[in-house]
């Protein structure tokens, strides 16, 4: 029995040492785990803050972009409305010119003076051939195909092409007066001026939009 006591004491010491090591290891593990967890929690919190900041930046950038797009759209709409208003005003101006000139046609195509101090006299009659009207209308419509030879009082319409050779329809006198031609010219001039104004507005619109 006495021989076993040293062995029992030694075993007890070993057991106590092992227990102490186990306790120390457990405490160290818990401390390490707690430190690692705290570090991980800190990293996750930092990552969350960074993510939130990125989301705020993206939202703010999107809001700024939408506001700029809306501002640009309003500016373009205002510019388009202004150009349309300018074109409408120009057309009204051209119509006023047409009305004024149309009111003068009768006087300037029926009466004349041989001198400034002479009395007004009726203008001599003017004769126009079907060929004259054909060339007039062909130049007006930009074509060499047959255009109208009116039968009375106008300078528009359509007619068959004159046949070649002597005695064609081109040689016949048609019922066209100076007033008909001048009225035709005044109306067409208004249309052409309106087209020029519209083309100018389109060029201005494209130039302003293309410069951005």
N, C-alpha and C. Protein backbone atom coordinates (compact mmCIF):
# COMPACT_ATOMS: atom_id res chain seq x y z
N UNK A 1 0.83 -1.20 0.00
CA UNK A 1 0.00 0.00 0.00
C UNK A 1 0.85 1.23 0.00
N UNK A 2 1.90 1.16 0.77
CA UNK A 2 2.79 2.31 0.85
C UNK A 2 3.49 2.56 -0.47
N UNK A 3 3.65 1.47 -1.24
CA UNK A 3 4.32 1.63 -2.54
C UNK A 3 3.41 2.30 -3.55
N UNK A 4 2.11 2.13 -3.34
CA UNK A 4 1.16 2.71 -4.30
C UNK A 4 0.93 4.19 -4.05
N UNK A 5 1.23 4.67 -2.86
CA UNK A 5 0.97 6.07 -2.56
C UNK A 5 1.74 7.03 -3.47
N UNK A 6 3.06 6.78 -3.72
CA UNK A 6 3.77 7.69 -4.63
C UNK A 6 3.15 7.71 -6.01
N UNK A 7 2.72 6.49 -6.46
CA UNK A 7 2.13 6.40 -7.80
C UNK A 7 0.82 7.16 -7.83
N UNK A 8 0.02 6.99 -6.78
CA UNK A 8 -1.27 7.68 -6.73
C UNK A 8 -1.06 9.18 -6.68
N UNK A 9 -0.05 9.58 -5.93
CA UNK A 9 0.24 11.01 -5.87
C UNK A 9 0.69 11.55 -7.22
N UNK A 10 1.50 10.70 -7.88
CA UNK A 10 1.96 11.14 -9.21
C UNK A 10 0.80 11.24 -10.20
N UNK A 11 -0.07 10.24 -10.17
CA UNK A 11 -1.23 10.26 -11.06
C UNK A 11 -2.13 11.46 -10.77
N UNK A 12 -2.27 11.75 -9.45
CA UNK A 12 -3.10 12.88 -9.08
C UNK A 12 -2.49 14.18 -9.62
N UNK A 13 -1.15 14.26 -9.50
CA UNK A 13 -0.49 15.47 -10.01
C UNK A 13 -0.67 15.60 -11.51
N UNK A 14 -0.53 14.42 -12.19
CA UNK A 14 -0.73 14.45 -13.67
C UNK A 14 -2.14 14.85 -14.01
N UNK A 15 -3.10 14.29 -13.27
CA UNK A 15 -4.50 14.62 -13.54
C UNK A 15 -4.77 16.09 -13.31
N UNK A 16 -4.18 16.61 -12.23
CA UNK A 16 -4.37 18.03 -11.96
C UNK A 16 -3.75 18.90 -13.05
N UNK A 17 -2.56 18.46 -13.51
CA UNK A 17 -1.89 19.22 -14.58
C UNK A 17 -2.72 19.21 -15.86
N UNK A 18 -3.23 17.98 -16.17
CA UNK A 18 -4.06 17.86 -17.39
C UNK A 18 -5.30 18.71 -17.26
N UNK A 19 -5.89 18.67 -16.06
CA UNK A 19 -7.10 19.48 -15.86
C UNK A 19 -6.81 20.96 -15.99
N UNK A 20 -5.64 21.35 -15.44
CA UNK A 20 -5.27 22.76 -15.56
C UNK A 20 -5.05 23.16 -16.99
N UNK A 21 -4.36 22.26 -17.73
CA UNK A 21 -4.15 22.56 -19.15
C UNK A 21 -5.47 22.66 -19.91
N UNK A 22 -6.39 21.75 -19.58
CA UNK A 22 -7.69 21.77 -20.26
C UNK A 22 -8.44 23.05 -19.95
N UNK A 23 -8.38 23.45 -18.66
CA UNK A 23 -9.07 24.68 -18.27
C UNK A 23 -8.45 25.88 -18.98
N UNK A 24 -7.09 25.89 -18.98
CA UNK A 24 -6.41 27.00 -19.66
C UNK A 24 -6.73 27.03 -21.15
N UNK A 25 -6.76 25.82 -21.75
CA UNK A 25 -7.06 25.75 -23.19
C UNK A 25 -8.47 26.23 -23.47
N UNK A 26 -9.41 25.81 -22.62
CA UNK A 26 -10.80 26.23 -22.80
C UNK A 26 -10.93 27.74 -22.65
N UNK A 27 -10.24 28.26 -21.62
CA UNK A 27 -10.32 29.70 -21.42
C UNK A 27 -9.68 30.44 -22.60
N UNK A 28 -8.55 29.90 -23.07
CA UNK A 28 -7.91 30.54 -24.23
C UNK A 28 -8.77 30.45 -25.48
N UNK A 29 -9.45 29.31 -25.66
CA UNK A 29 -10.32 29.14 -26.82
C UNK A 29 -11.48 30.15 -26.76
N UNK A 30 -12.06 30.25 -25.54
CA UNK A 30 -13.19 31.19 -25.40
C UNK A 30 -12.74 32.62 -25.66
N UNK A 31 -11.54 32.96 -25.13
CA UNK A 31 -11.05 34.31 -25.35
C UNK A 31 -10.75 34.56 -26.82
N UNK A 32 -10.14 33.55 -27.46
CA UNK A 32 -9.85 33.69 -28.89
C UNK A 32 -11.11 33.79 -29.72
N UNK A 33 -12.09 32.96 -29.38
CA UNK A 33 -13.36 33.00 -30.11
C UNK A 33 -14.04 34.35 -29.94
N UNK A 34 -14.02 34.86 -28.70
CA UNK A 34 -14.64 36.16 -28.44
C UNK A 34 -13.93 37.26 -29.22
N UNK A 35 -12.59 37.20 -29.25
CA UNK A 35 -11.84 38.22 -29.99
C UNK A 35 -12.12 38.13 -31.48
N UNK A 36 -12.15 36.90 -31.99
CA UNK A 36 -12.42 36.72 -33.42
C UNK A 36 -13.82 37.18 -33.77
N UNK A 37 -14.77 36.85 -32.87
CA UNK A 37 -16.16 37.26 -33.11
C UNK A 37 -16.28 38.78 -33.10
N UNK A 38 -15.61 39.41 -32.15
CA UNK A 38 -15.66 40.87 -32.08
C UNK A 38 -15.06 41.50 -33.33
N UNK A 39 -13.94 40.92 -33.77
CA UNK A 39 -13.30 41.43 -34.99
C UNK A 39 -14.20 41.24 -36.21
N UNK A 40 -14.85 40.06 -36.26
CA UNK A 40 -15.77 39.80 -37.38
C UNK A 40 -16.97 40.72 -37.36
N UNK A 41 -17.50 40.93 -36.13
CA UNK A 41 -18.63 41.83 -36.01
C UNK A 41 -18.26 43.25 -36.45
N UNK A 42 -17.04 43.67 -36.08
CA UNK A 42 -16.57 45.00 -36.49
C UNK A 42 -16.46 45.09 -38.01
N UNK A 43 -15.89 44.02 -38.61
CA UNK A 43 -15.73 44.02 -40.08
C UNK A 43 -17.09 44.03 -40.77
N UNK A 44 -18.04 43.23 -40.22
CA UNK A 44 -19.38 43.19 -40.82
C UNK A 44 -20.07 44.54 -40.70
N UNK A 45 -19.90 45.18 -39.53
CA UNK A 45 -20.51 46.50 -39.35
C UNK A 45 -19.92 47.51 -40.31
N UNK A 46 -18.58 47.44 -40.50
CA UNK A 46 -17.93 48.35 -41.44
C UNK A 46 -18.40 48.10 -42.86
N UNK A 47 -18.52 46.81 -43.19
CA UNK A 47 -19.01 46.47 -44.52
C UNK A 47 -20.43 46.97 -44.73
N UNK A 48 -21.27 46.84 -43.67
CA UNK A 48 -22.65 47.33 -43.76
C UNK A 48 -22.70 48.83 -43.96
N UNK A 49 -21.83 49.55 -43.22
CA UNK A 49 -21.79 51.01 -43.38
C UNK A 49 -21.34 51.39 -44.79
N UNK A 50 -20.33 50.68 -45.29
CA UNK A 50 -19.86 50.96 -46.66
C UNK A 50 -20.95 50.68 -47.69
N UNK A 51 -21.69 49.60 -47.48
CA UNK A 51 -22.76 49.24 -48.42
C UNK A 51 -23.86 50.30 -48.39
N UNK A 52 -24.22 50.73 -47.18
CA UNK A 52 -25.23 51.78 -47.07
C UNK A 52 -24.78 53.08 -47.72
N UNK A 53 -23.50 53.41 -47.53
CA UNK A 53 -22.98 54.63 -48.15
C UNK A 53 -23.00 54.51 -49.67
N UNK A 54 -22.68 53.33 -50.19
CA UNK A 54 -22.70 53.12 -51.64
C UNK A 54 -24.12 53.23 -52.18
N UNK A 55 -25.08 52.65 -51.43
CA UNK A 55 -26.48 52.75 -51.85
C UNK A 55 -26.95 54.20 -51.84
N UNK A 56 -26.55 54.96 -50.81
CA UNK A 56 -26.93 56.38 -50.77
C UNK A 56 -26.33 57.13 -51.94
N UNK A 57 -25.06 56.83 -52.27
CA UNK A 57 -24.40 57.50 -53.40
C UNK A 57 -25.12 57.19 -54.71
N UNK A 58 -25.45 55.90 -54.89
CA UNK A 58 -26.16 55.52 -56.12
C UNK A 58 -27.52 56.19 -56.20
N UNK A 59 -28.23 56.25 -55.07
CA UNK A 59 -29.55 56.88 -55.07
C UNK A 59 -29.44 58.38 -55.36
N UNK A 60 -28.45 59.03 -54.74
CA UNK A 60 -28.26 60.46 -54.97
C UNK A 60 -27.86 60.72 -56.43
N UNK A 61 -26.99 59.86 -56.98
CA UNK A 61 -26.58 60.02 -58.37
C UNK A 61 -27.76 59.83 -59.31
N UNK A 62 -28.59 58.82 -59.00
CA UNK A 62 -29.78 58.58 -59.84
C UNK A 62 -30.73 59.77 -59.76
N UNK A 63 -30.91 60.32 -58.55
CA UNK A 63 -31.80 61.48 -58.40
C UNK A 63 -31.28 62.68 -59.16
N UNK A 64 -29.95 62.90 -59.10
CA UNK A 64 -29.35 64.01 -59.84
C UNK A 64 -29.53 63.81 -61.34
N UNK A 65 -29.31 62.55 -61.79
CA UNK A 65 -29.48 62.27 -63.22
C UNK A 65 -30.90 62.47 -63.69
N UNK A 66 -31.87 62.02 -62.88
CA UNK A 66 -33.28 62.20 -63.25
C UNK A 66 -33.66 63.67 -63.29
N UNK A 67 -33.16 64.43 -62.32
CA UNK A 67 -33.46 65.86 -62.30
C UNK A 67 -32.88 66.56 -63.52
N UNK A 68 -31.64 66.20 -63.88
CA UNK A 68 -31.02 66.81 -65.07
C UNK A 68 -31.80 66.44 -66.33
N UNK A 69 -32.20 65.14 -66.43
CA UNK A 69 -32.97 64.73 -67.59
C UNK A 69 -34.30 65.47 -67.67
N UNK A 70 -34.95 65.64 -66.51
CA UNK A 70 -36.22 66.38 -66.49
C UNK A 70 -36.02 67.84 -66.87
N UNK A 71 -34.93 68.43 -66.35
CA UNK A 71 -34.64 69.83 -66.69
C UNK A 71 -34.34 69.98 -68.18
N UNK A 72 -33.57 69.03 -68.73
CA UNK A 72 -33.25 69.07 -70.16
C UNK A 72 -34.52 68.92 -71.00
N UNK A 73 -35.40 68.02 -70.57
CA UNK A 73 -36.65 67.80 -71.31
C UNK A 73 -37.50 69.06 -71.30
N UNK A 74 -37.61 69.68 -70.11
CA UNK A 74 -38.40 70.92 -70.03
C UNK A 74 -37.80 72.02 -70.90
N UNK A 75 -36.46 72.08 -70.91
CA UNK A 75 -35.80 73.09 -71.73
C UNK A 75 -36.05 72.83 -73.22
N UNK A 76 -35.97 71.57 -73.64
CA UNK A 76 -36.22 71.23 -75.04
C UNK A 76 -37.67 71.51 -75.41
N UNK A 77 -38.59 71.17 -74.50
CA UNK A 77 -40.01 71.45 -74.78
C UNK A 77 -40.26 72.94 -74.90
N UNK A 78 -39.62 73.71 -74.01
CA UNK A 78 -39.79 75.16 -74.08
C UNK A 78 -39.21 75.71 -75.38
N UNK A 79 -38.03 75.16 -75.79
CA UNK A 79 -37.42 75.62 -77.04
C UNK A 79 -38.29 75.23 -78.23
N UNK A 80 -38.83 74.00 -78.19
CA UNK A 80 -39.72 73.58 -79.27
C UNK A 80 -40.99 74.42 -79.34
N UNK A 81 -41.56 74.72 -78.16
CA UNK A 81 -42.76 75.56 -78.14
C UNK A 81 -42.46 76.96 -78.66
N UNK A 82 -41.27 77.48 -78.32
CA UNK A 82 -40.90 78.81 -78.80
C UNK A 82 -40.72 78.82 -80.31
N UNK A 83 -40.06 77.77 -80.84
CA UNK A 83 -39.88 77.69 -82.29
C UNK A 83 -41.22 77.56 -83.00
N UNK A 84 -42.13 76.76 -82.41
CA UNK A 84 -43.46 76.62 -83.01
C UNK A 84 -44.21 77.95 -82.97
N UNK A 85 -44.07 78.67 -81.87
CA UNK A 85 -44.73 79.98 -81.77
C UNK A 85 -44.13 80.96 -82.77
N UNK A 86 -42.81 80.92 -82.92
CA UNK A 86 -42.15 81.80 -83.89
C UNK A 86 -42.62 81.48 -85.30
N UNK A 87 -42.74 80.18 -85.60
CA UNK A 87 -43.19 79.78 -86.94
C UNK A 87 -44.63 80.23 -87.17
N UNK A 88 -45.49 80.06 -86.15
CA UNK A 88 -46.87 80.51 -86.28
C UNK A 88 -46.96 82.00 -86.51
N UNK A 89 -46.13 82.76 -85.77
CA UNK A 89 -46.13 84.21 -85.95
C UNK A 89 -45.63 84.59 -87.34
N UNK A 90 -44.63 83.85 -87.84
CA UNK A 90 -44.11 84.12 -89.18
C UNK A 90 -45.17 83.83 -90.24
N UNK A 91 -45.92 82.75 -90.07
CA UNK A 91 -46.98 82.43 -91.02
C UNK A 91 -48.07 83.50 -91.01
N UNK A 92 -48.40 83.98 -89.82
CA UNK A 92 -49.40 85.06 -89.73
C UNK A 92 -48.89 86.31 -90.45
N UNK A 93 -47.61 86.59 -90.26
CA UNK A 93 -47.00 87.75 -90.93
C UNK A 93 -47.04 87.58 -92.45
N UNK A 94 -46.72 86.38 -92.91
CA UNK A 94 -46.74 86.11 -94.36
C UNK A 94 -48.15 86.20 -94.91
N UNK A 95 -49.14 85.71 -94.14
CA UNK A 95 -50.52 85.80 -94.61
C UNK A 95 -50.97 87.26 -94.70
N UNK A 96 -50.54 88.09 -93.77
CA UNK A 96 -50.88 89.52 -93.82
C UNK A 96 -50.26 90.16 -95.07
N UNK A 97 -49.02 89.77 -95.40
CA UNK A 97 -48.39 90.29 -96.62
C UNK A 97 -49.17 89.84 -97.85
N UNK A 98 -49.57 88.55 -97.87
CA UNK A 98 -50.34 88.02 -99.00
C UNK A 98 -51.65 88.78 -99.17
N UNK A 99 -52.36 88.99 -98.07
CA UNK A 99 -53.64 89.70 -98.14
C UNK A 99 -53.44 91.13 -98.67
N UNK A 100 -52.39 91.79 -98.20
CA UNK A 100 -52.14 93.17 -98.65
C UNK A 100 -51.82 93.19 -100.15
N UNK A 101 -50.92 92.27 -100.57
CA UNK A 101 -50.53 92.25 -101.98
C UNK A 101 -51.70 91.82 -102.87
N UNK A 102 -52.51 90.87 -102.38
CA UNK A 102 -53.66 90.43 -103.17
C UNK A 102 -54.63 91.58 -103.39
N UNK A 103 -54.73 92.47 -102.39
CA UNK A 103 -55.62 93.62 -102.54
C UNK A 103 -55.12 94.63 -103.57
N UNK A 104 -53.84 94.55 -103.93
CA UNK A 104 -53.28 95.49 -104.90
C UNK A 104 -53.28 94.93 -106.33
N UNK A 105 -53.58 93.63 -106.45
CA UNK A 105 -53.45 92.98 -107.76
C UNK A 105 -54.35 93.64 -108.80
N UNK A 106 -55.62 93.86 -108.45
CA UNK A 106 -56.56 94.40 -109.43
C UNK A 106 -56.08 95.74 -109.97
N UNK A 107 -55.60 96.60 -109.08
CA UNK A 107 -55.17 97.94 -109.55
C UNK A 107 -53.95 97.87 -110.45
N UNK A 108 -52.96 97.07 -110.04
CA UNK A 108 -51.70 97.09 -110.79
C UNK A 108 -51.77 96.25 -112.06
N UNK A 109 -52.88 95.53 -112.29
CA UNK A 109 -52.99 94.72 -113.50
C UNK A 109 -54.05 95.24 -114.47
N UNK A 110 -54.72 96.33 -114.10
CA UNK A 110 -55.77 96.84 -114.99
C UNK A 110 -55.55 98.28 -115.42
N UNK A 111 -54.81 99.07 -114.66
CA UNK A 111 -54.62 100.48 -114.97
C UNK A 111 -53.14 100.82 -115.04
N UNK A 112 -52.83 101.87 -115.83
CA UNK A 112 -51.44 102.34 -115.92
C UNK A 112 -51.46 103.80 -116.31
N UNK A 113 -50.30 104.46 -116.15
CA UNK A 113 -50.10 105.83 -116.61
C UNK A 113 -48.96 105.82 -117.62
N UNK A 114 -49.10 106.56 -118.65
CA UNK A 114 -48.01 106.68 -119.62
C UNK A 114 -46.91 107.59 -119.10
N UNK A 115 -47.25 108.45 -118.13
CA UNK A 115 -46.27 109.32 -117.47
C UNK A 115 -46.82 109.63 -116.07
N UNK A 116 -45.94 110.14 -115.18
CA UNK A 116 -46.37 110.40 -113.81
C UNK A 116 -47.49 111.41 -113.73
N UNK A 117 -47.52 112.37 -114.66
CA UNK A 117 -48.55 113.39 -114.62
C UNK A 117 -49.71 113.08 -115.55
N UNK A 118 -49.72 111.86 -116.13
CA UNK A 118 -50.80 111.48 -117.05
C UNK A 118 -51.94 110.84 -116.28
N UNK A 119 -53.10 110.77 -116.92
CA UNK A 119 -54.27 110.12 -116.31
C UNK A 119 -54.14 108.60 -116.40
N UNK A 120 -54.83 107.95 -115.49
CA UNK A 120 -54.85 106.48 -115.52
C UNK A 120 -55.63 105.99 -116.74
N UNK A 121 -55.12 104.96 -117.36
CA UNK A 121 -55.78 104.36 -118.52
C UNK A 121 -55.83 102.85 -118.33
N UNK A 122 -56.79 102.19 -119.01
CA UNK A 122 -56.82 100.73 -118.93
C UNK A 122 -55.58 100.14 -119.60
N UNK A 123 -55.03 99.10 -118.98
CA UNK A 123 -53.89 98.41 -119.57
C UNK A 123 -54.33 97.68 -120.83
N UNK A 124 -53.50 97.67 -121.84
CA UNK A 124 -53.82 96.87 -123.03
C UNK A 124 -53.94 95.40 -122.64
N UNK A 125 -54.76 94.66 -123.34
CA UNK A 125 -54.91 93.24 -123.01
C UNK A 125 -53.59 92.50 -123.20
N UNK A 126 -53.39 91.50 -122.37
CA UNK A 126 -52.20 90.65 -122.49
C UNK A 126 -52.66 89.26 -122.89
N UNK A 127 -51.95 88.67 -123.81
CA UNK A 127 -52.31 87.34 -124.30
C UNK A 127 -51.25 86.34 -123.86
N UNK A 128 -51.70 85.20 -123.35
CA UNK A 128 -50.79 84.14 -122.93
C UNK A 128 -51.18 82.85 -123.62
N UNK A 129 -50.19 82.14 -124.08
CA UNK A 129 -50.45 80.87 -124.76
C UNK A 129 -50.49 79.74 -123.75
N UNK A 130 -51.03 78.61 -124.20
CA UNK A 130 -51.04 77.41 -123.35
C UNK A 130 -49.61 76.99 -123.04
N UNK A 131 -48.70 77.20 -123.98
CA UNK A 131 -47.30 76.86 -123.74
C UNK A 131 -46.70 77.70 -122.63
N UNK A 132 -47.08 78.98 -122.58
CA UNK A 132 -46.60 79.86 -121.51
C UNK A 132 -47.03 79.32 -120.16
N UNK A 133 -48.32 78.96 -120.04
CA UNK A 133 -48.84 78.45 -118.78
C UNK A 133 -48.18 77.11 -118.43
N UNK A 134 -47.95 76.26 -119.44
CA UNK A 134 -47.31 74.97 -119.20
C UNK A 134 -45.91 75.16 -118.61
N UNK A 135 -45.13 76.05 -119.22
CA UNK A 135 -43.78 76.30 -118.72
C UNK A 135 -43.82 76.92 -117.33
N UNK A 136 -44.76 77.85 -117.11
CA UNK A 136 -44.92 78.49 -115.80
C UNK A 136 -45.16 77.43 -114.72
N UNK A 137 -46.15 76.56 -114.98
CA UNK A 137 -46.49 75.55 -113.98
C UNK A 137 -45.40 74.50 -113.83
N UNK A 138 -44.75 74.14 -114.93
CA UNK A 138 -43.67 73.15 -114.84
C UNK A 138 -42.53 73.68 -113.98
N UNK A 139 -42.20 74.96 -114.15
CA UNK A 139 -41.15 75.56 -113.30
C UNK A 139 -41.60 75.63 -111.85
N UNK A 140 -42.89 75.92 -111.63
CA UNK A 140 -43.41 76.04 -110.28
C UNK A 140 -43.36 74.70 -109.55
N UNK A 141 -43.73 73.62 -110.23
CA UNK A 141 -43.77 72.30 -109.60
C UNK A 141 -42.47 71.53 -109.76
N UNK A 142 -41.48 72.11 -110.45
CA UNK A 142 -40.19 71.46 -110.59
C UNK A 142 -40.25 70.17 -111.38
N UNK A 143 -40.95 70.19 -112.51
CA UNK A 143 -41.07 68.98 -113.31
C UNK A 143 -41.10 69.35 -114.78
N UNK A 144 -40.73 68.40 -115.62
CA UNK A 144 -40.85 68.61 -117.07
C UNK A 144 -42.04 67.86 -117.64
N UNK A 145 -42.77 67.15 -116.76
CA UNK A 145 -43.96 66.45 -117.23
C UNK A 145 -45.07 67.45 -117.49
N UNK A 146 -46.07 67.08 -118.30
CA UNK A 146 -47.13 68.03 -118.64
C UNK A 146 -47.86 68.50 -117.39
N UNK A 147 -48.09 69.79 -117.29
CA UNK A 147 -48.87 70.35 -116.19
C UNK A 147 -50.08 71.06 -116.76
N UNK A 148 -50.86 71.62 -115.87
CA UNK A 148 -52.17 72.09 -116.26
C UNK A 148 -52.15 73.23 -117.26
N UNK A 149 -53.03 73.19 -118.20
CA UNK A 149 -53.36 74.35 -119.04
C UNK A 149 -54.80 74.70 -118.72
N UNK A 150 -55.03 75.72 -117.90
CA UNK A 150 -56.40 76.02 -117.44
C UNK A 150 -57.28 76.49 -118.58
N UNK A 151 -58.56 76.20 -118.42
CA UNK A 151 -59.51 76.63 -119.44
C UNK A 151 -60.04 78.01 -119.16
N UNK A 152 -60.00 78.43 -117.89
CA UNK A 152 -60.47 79.78 -117.59
C UNK A 152 -59.95 80.23 -116.23
N UNK A 153 -59.43 81.45 -116.20
CA UNK A 153 -59.20 82.19 -114.99
C UNK A 153 -58.23 81.67 -113.97
N UNK A 154 -57.46 80.62 -114.19
CA UNK A 154 -56.47 80.16 -113.23
C UNK A 154 -55.19 79.82 -113.95
N UNK A 155 -54.15 79.60 -113.16
CA UNK A 155 -52.87 79.19 -113.74
C UNK A 155 -52.43 77.88 -113.14
N UNK A 156 -53.41 77.02 -112.75
CA UNK A 156 -53.08 75.71 -112.20
C UNK A 156 -54.01 74.69 -112.81
N UNK A 157 -53.75 73.38 -112.55
CA UNK A 157 -54.54 72.30 -113.11
C UNK A 157 -53.67 71.37 -113.91
N UNK A 158 -54.27 70.45 -114.70
CA UNK A 158 -53.49 69.54 -115.53
C UNK A 158 -54.08 69.48 -116.93
N UNK A 159 -53.24 69.13 -117.89
CA UNK A 159 -53.71 68.97 -119.26
C UNK A 159 -52.82 67.95 -119.94
N UNK A 160 -53.31 67.43 -121.06
CA UNK A 160 -52.50 66.48 -121.82
C UNK A 160 -51.28 67.17 -122.39
N UNK A 161 -50.23 66.40 -122.60
CA UNK A 161 -49.01 66.96 -123.17
C UNK A 161 -49.27 67.41 -124.60
N UNK A 162 -48.74 68.56 -124.97
CA UNK A 162 -48.93 69.02 -126.36
C UNK A 162 -48.18 68.11 -127.31
N UNK A 163 -48.75 67.89 -128.48
CA UNK A 163 -48.06 67.08 -129.48
C UNK A 163 -47.02 67.92 -130.18
N UNK A 164 -46.00 67.25 -130.69
CA UNK A 164 -44.91 67.97 -131.35
C UNK A 164 -45.34 68.47 -132.72
N UNK A 165 -44.67 69.48 -133.21
CA UNK A 165 -44.92 69.97 -134.56
C UNK A 165 -45.79 71.21 -134.58
N UNK A 166 -46.07 71.72 -135.78
CA UNK A 166 -46.86 72.95 -135.93
C UNK A 166 -48.30 72.69 -135.52
N UNK A 167 -48.94 73.75 -135.01
CA UNK A 167 -50.35 73.66 -134.69
C UNK A 167 -50.65 72.89 -133.42
N UNK A 168 -49.71 72.86 -132.43
CA UNK A 168 -49.95 72.14 -131.17
C UNK A 168 -50.77 73.01 -130.23
N UNK A 169 -51.24 72.37 -129.14
CA UNK A 169 -52.03 73.10 -128.14
C UNK A 169 -51.21 74.17 -127.46
N UNK A 170 -49.89 74.03 -127.45
CA UNK A 170 -49.02 75.05 -126.86
C UNK A 170 -49.23 76.42 -127.50
N UNK A 171 -49.66 76.43 -128.75
CA UNK A 171 -49.74 77.68 -129.49
C UNK A 171 -51.06 78.42 -129.26
N UNK A 172 -52.03 77.80 -128.59
CA UNK A 172 -53.34 78.41 -128.43
C UNK A 172 -53.33 79.45 -127.32
N UNK A 173 -54.14 80.48 -127.50
CA UNK A 173 -54.31 81.50 -126.47
C UNK A 173 -55.24 80.94 -125.40
N UNK A 174 -54.87 81.15 -124.13
CA UNK A 174 -55.72 80.68 -123.03
C UNK A 174 -56.21 81.89 -122.25
N UNK A 175 -57.29 81.67 -121.51
CA UNK A 175 -57.95 82.74 -120.77
C UNK A 175 -57.21 83.00 -119.45
N UNK A 176 -56.02 83.52 -119.55
CA UNK A 176 -55.21 83.85 -118.37
C UNK A 176 -54.94 85.35 -118.40
N UNK A 177 -55.16 86.01 -117.27
CA UNK A 177 -54.93 87.46 -117.20
C UNK A 177 -53.70 87.75 -116.35
N UNK A 178 -53.29 89.00 -116.40
CA UNK A 178 -52.18 89.41 -115.54
C UNK A 178 -52.53 89.17 -114.06
N UNK A 179 -53.79 89.47 -113.71
CA UNK A 179 -54.21 89.29 -112.32
C UNK A 179 -54.11 87.83 -111.90
N UNK A 180 -54.46 86.89 -112.81
CA UNK A 180 -54.34 85.47 -112.49
C UNK A 180 -52.90 85.11 -112.15
N UNK A 181 -51.99 85.55 -112.99
CA UNK A 181 -50.58 85.23 -112.78
C UNK A 181 -50.04 85.86 -111.51
N UNK A 182 -50.42 87.11 -111.26
CA UNK A 182 -49.89 87.79 -110.08
C UNK A 182 -50.47 87.19 -108.80
N UNK A 183 -51.77 86.88 -108.82
CA UNK A 183 -52.36 86.22 -107.65
C UNK A 183 -51.70 84.87 -107.40
N UNK A 184 -51.46 84.13 -108.46
CA UNK A 184 -50.79 82.84 -108.34
C UNK A 184 -49.40 83.00 -107.74
N UNK A 185 -48.69 84.00 -108.21
CA UNK A 185 -47.34 84.26 -107.69
C UNK A 185 -47.36 84.66 -106.22
N UNK A 186 -48.32 85.51 -105.84
CA UNK A 186 -48.42 85.96 -104.44
C UNK A 186 -48.70 84.78 -103.52
N UNK A 187 -49.65 83.92 -103.91
CA UNK A 187 -49.99 82.77 -103.05
C UNK A 187 -48.80 81.81 -102.94
N UNK A 188 -48.17 81.54 -104.07
CA UNK A 188 -47.03 80.62 -104.04
C UNK A 188 -45.86 81.19 -103.24
N UNK A 189 -45.68 82.49 -103.33
CA UNK A 189 -44.60 83.12 -102.57
C UNK A 189 -44.83 82.96 -101.07
N UNK A 190 -46.09 83.07 -100.64
CA UNK A 190 -46.39 82.85 -99.22
C UNK A 190 -46.02 81.43 -98.81
N UNK A 191 -46.39 80.44 -99.65
CA UNK A 191 -46.07 79.04 -99.32
C UNK A 191 -44.56 78.83 -99.24
N UNK A 192 -43.84 79.39 -100.21
CA UNK A 192 -42.39 79.20 -100.23
C UNK A 192 -41.74 79.87 -99.03
N UNK A 193 -42.23 81.07 -98.67
CA UNK A 193 -41.67 81.76 -97.52
C UNK A 193 -41.95 80.98 -96.24
N UNK A 194 -43.15 80.38 -96.13
CA UNK A 194 -43.47 79.56 -94.95
C UNK A 194 -42.57 78.34 -94.88
N UNK A 195 -42.31 77.72 -96.04
CA UNK A 195 -41.40 76.57 -96.08
C UNK A 195 -40.00 76.98 -95.67
N UNK A 196 -39.54 78.14 -96.12
CA UNK A 196 -38.20 78.62 -95.73
C UNK A 196 -38.13 78.84 -94.23
N UNK A 197 -39.19 79.45 -93.66
CA UNK A 197 -39.20 79.70 -92.22
C UNK A 197 -39.19 78.39 -91.45
N UNK A 198 -39.98 77.41 -91.92
CA UNK A 198 -40.02 76.11 -91.23
C UNK A 198 -38.68 75.40 -91.34
N UNK A 199 -38.06 75.47 -92.51
CA UNK A 199 -36.74 74.86 -92.69
C UNK A 199 -35.71 75.53 -91.80
N UNK A 200 -35.79 76.85 -91.69
CA UNK A 200 -34.86 77.58 -90.82
C UNK A 200 -35.02 77.13 -89.37
N UNK A 201 -36.28 76.96 -88.92
CA UNK A 201 -36.52 76.50 -87.55
C UNK A 201 -35.99 75.09 -87.34
N UNK A 202 -36.17 74.22 -88.35
CA UNK A 202 -35.66 72.86 -88.23
C UNK A 202 -34.14 72.84 -88.14
N UNK A 203 -33.48 73.67 -88.95
CA UNK A 203 -32.01 73.75 -88.91
C UNK A 203 -31.56 74.28 -87.56
N UNK A 204 -32.26 75.30 -87.05
CA UNK A 204 -31.89 75.87 -85.76
C UNK A 204 -32.08 74.83 -84.65
N UNK A 205 -33.18 74.08 -84.70
CA UNK A 205 -33.44 73.04 -83.71
C UNK A 205 -32.34 71.98 -83.73
N UNK A 206 -32.01 71.49 -84.95
CA UNK A 206 -31.00 70.44 -85.07
C UNK A 206 -29.63 70.96 -84.64
N UNK A 207 -29.33 72.23 -84.96
CA UNK A 207 -28.05 72.80 -84.58
C UNK A 207 -27.91 72.88 -83.07
N UNK A 208 -28.95 73.34 -82.39
CA UNK A 208 -28.90 73.46 -80.93
C UNK A 208 -28.83 72.09 -80.27
N UNK A 209 -29.61 71.11 -80.78
CA UNK A 209 -29.58 69.78 -80.19
C UNK A 209 -28.27 69.08 -80.48
N UNK A 210 -27.74 69.29 -81.69
CA UNK A 210 -26.50 68.62 -82.06
C UNK A 210 -25.29 69.17 -81.36
N UNK A 211 -25.38 70.39 -80.83
CA UNK A 211 -24.24 71.01 -80.17
C UNK A 211 -24.06 70.50 -78.75
N UNK A 212 -25.03 69.71 -78.26
CA UNK A 212 -24.96 69.22 -76.88
C UNK A 212 -24.19 67.91 -76.82
